Amino acid sequence: MKLDLEISPGEVKRRLDAGQALLLLDVREPLEYAVSALADAELIPMNTVPERLPDIMGFAGRCLVVVYCHHGTRSLSVVHWLREQGVENCQSLGGGIERWSLEIDPAVPRY
């Protein structure tokens, strides 16, 4: 069964709370990451994703890769690209870190 392109913040939270292994892959820029990030996220800025493809493929072989950015646009583009490269075990966090802050954890700074 093919995964949807996006996953909701609530579903990610449910899976994390259940102890499911997930890689939270932040594709924003380092300055954005410094302002606000999800705990245990791996920062791989969007422009470096192609060179880090082998690492991402390795992660996807072990767990679901949840790609996120500020609002979900860049992460959705990355998920489309990853799937074109054969990485099926990935989804974009719908609404990005902004929606996560609004719906799941208001302690995550908004910008």
Protein backbone atom coordinates (compact mmCIF):
# COMPACT_ATOMS: atom_id res chain seq x y z
CA MET A 1 0.00 0.00 0.00
CA LYS A 2 1.38 3.38 -1.01
CA LEU A 3 1.59 6.00 1.74
CA ASP A 4 -0.21 9.31 1.41
CA LEU A 5 2.12 12.19 0.57
CA GLU A 6 1.22 14.00 3.79
CA ILE A 7 0.78 13.01 7.40
CA SER A 8 -0.98 15.14 10.01
CA PRO A 9 0.74 16.46 13.11
CA GLY A 10 -1.76 14.53 15.23
CA GLU A 11 -0.84 11.25 13.55
CA VAL A 12 2.88 11.91 13.98
CA LYS A 13 2.32 12.69 17.67
CA ARG A 14 0.25 9.51 18.10
CA ARG A 15 3.00 7.41 16.54
CA LEU A 16 5.74 9.05 18.61
CA ASP A 17 3.71 8.56 21.79
CA ALA A 18 3.27 4.88 20.85
CA GLY A 19 7.04 4.52 20.61
CA GLN A 20 7.16 4.07 16.85
CA ALA A 21 10.55 4.90 15.36
CA LEU A 22 10.29 7.92 13.07
CA LEU A 23 12.91 10.15 11.54
CA LEU A 24 11.86 13.80 11.70
CA LEU A 25 13.72 15.33 8.76
CA ASP A 26 13.87 19.13 8.85
CA VAL A 27 14.55 20.58 5.38
CA ARG A 28 14.57 24.24 6.44
CA GLU A 29 17.66 26.41 6.58
CA PRO A 30 19.98 26.41 9.62
CA LEU A 31 18.79 29.88 10.70
CA GLU A 32 15.17 28.66 10.76
CA TYR A 33 16.21 25.53 12.66
CA ALA A 34 17.97 27.71 15.26
CA VAL A 35 14.71 29.59 15.89
CA SER A 36 12.43 26.58 16.15
CA ALA A 37 12.84 22.82 15.77
CA LEU A 38 11.20 19.57 16.77
CA ALA A 39 13.02 17.42 19.32
CA ASP A 40 15.45 14.91 17.82
CA ALA A 41 14.97 16.23 14.29
CA GLU A 42 17.71 15.72 11.71
CA LEU A 43 18.53 18.95 9.84
CA ILE A 44 19.17 18.39 6.14
CA PRO A 45 18.43 21.68 4.32
CA MET A 46 16.44 21.24 1.12
CA ASN A 47 19.35 22.19 -1.15
CA THR A 48 21.51 19.44 0.38
CA VAL A 49 18.94 16.64 0.12
CA PRO A 50 20.34 15.25 -3.19
CA GLU A 51 23.84 14.83 -1.75
CA ARG A 52 22.40 13.26 1.42
CA LEU A 53 20.16 10.84 -0.51
CA PRO A 54 22.14 7.74 0.58
CA ASP A 55 21.71 8.73 4.25
CA ILE A 56 17.99 9.38 3.78
CA MET A 57 17.56 6.04 1.99
CA GLY A 58 19.24 4.36 4.95
CA PHE A 59 16.88 6.05 7.39
CA ALA A 60 13.85 5.12 5.24
CA GLY A 61 14.96 1.50 5.32
CA ARG A 62 14.64 1.50 9.11
CA CYS A 63 11.67 3.80 9.79
CA LEU A 64 9.18 6.25 8.36
CA VAL A 65 10.82 9.53 7.33
CA VAL A 66 8.60 12.51 8.19
CA VAL A 67 9.87 15.52 6.26
CA TYR A 68 8.95 18.96 7.55
CA CYS A 69 9.57 22.64 6.88
CA HIS A 70 7.84 25.85 7.99
CA HIS A 71 4.42 25.45 6.34
CA GLY A 72 4.70 22.15 4.45
CA THR A 73 5.46 23.39 0.92
CA ARG A 74 9.18 22.63 0.77
CA SER A 75 8.74 19.33 2.58
CA LEU A 76 6.07 18.23 0.11
CA SER A 77 8.44 19.03 -2.77
CA VAL A 78 11.17 16.99 -1.07
CA VAL A 79 8.80 14.03 -0.56
CA HIS A 80 7.83 14.15 -4.25
CA TRP A 81 11.53 14.16 -5.21
CA LEU A 82 12.44 11.38 -2.77
CA ARG A 83 9.68 9.18 -4.15
CA GLU A 84 10.98 9.80 -7.67
CA GLN A 85 14.34 8.50 -6.38
CA GLY A 86 12.68 5.34 -5.04
CA VAL A 87 12.28 6.38 -1.39
CA GLU A 88 8.68 5.38 -0.69
CA ASN A 89 8.77 5.35 3.12
CA CYS A 90 8.45 9.11 3.53
CA GLN A 91 5.69 11.64 4.14
CA SER A 92 5.45 15.40 4.49
CA LEU A 93 4.22 16.87 7.76
CA GLY A 94 1.05 18.67 6.67
CA GLY A 95 1.21 22.33 7.64
CA GLY A 96 4.82 22.03 8.77
CA ILE A 97 6.25 23.12 12.09
CA GLU A 98 3.75 26.00 12.13
CA ARG A 99 0.81 23.59 12.35
CA TRP A 100 2.70 21.42 14.85
CA SER A 101 3.05 24.46 17.12
CA LEU A 102 -0.62 25.37 16.73
CA GLU A 103 -2.08 21.89 17.20
CA ILE A 104 0.42 19.83 19.20
CA ASP A 105 3.00 21.84 21.12
CA PRO A 106 2.59 25.60 21.62
CA ALA A 107 6.04 25.64 23.28
CA VAL A 108 7.54 25.25 19.79
CA PRO A 109 8.20 28.87 18.74
CA ARG A 110 6.30 30.23 15.75
CA TYR A 111 7.91 32.66 13.36
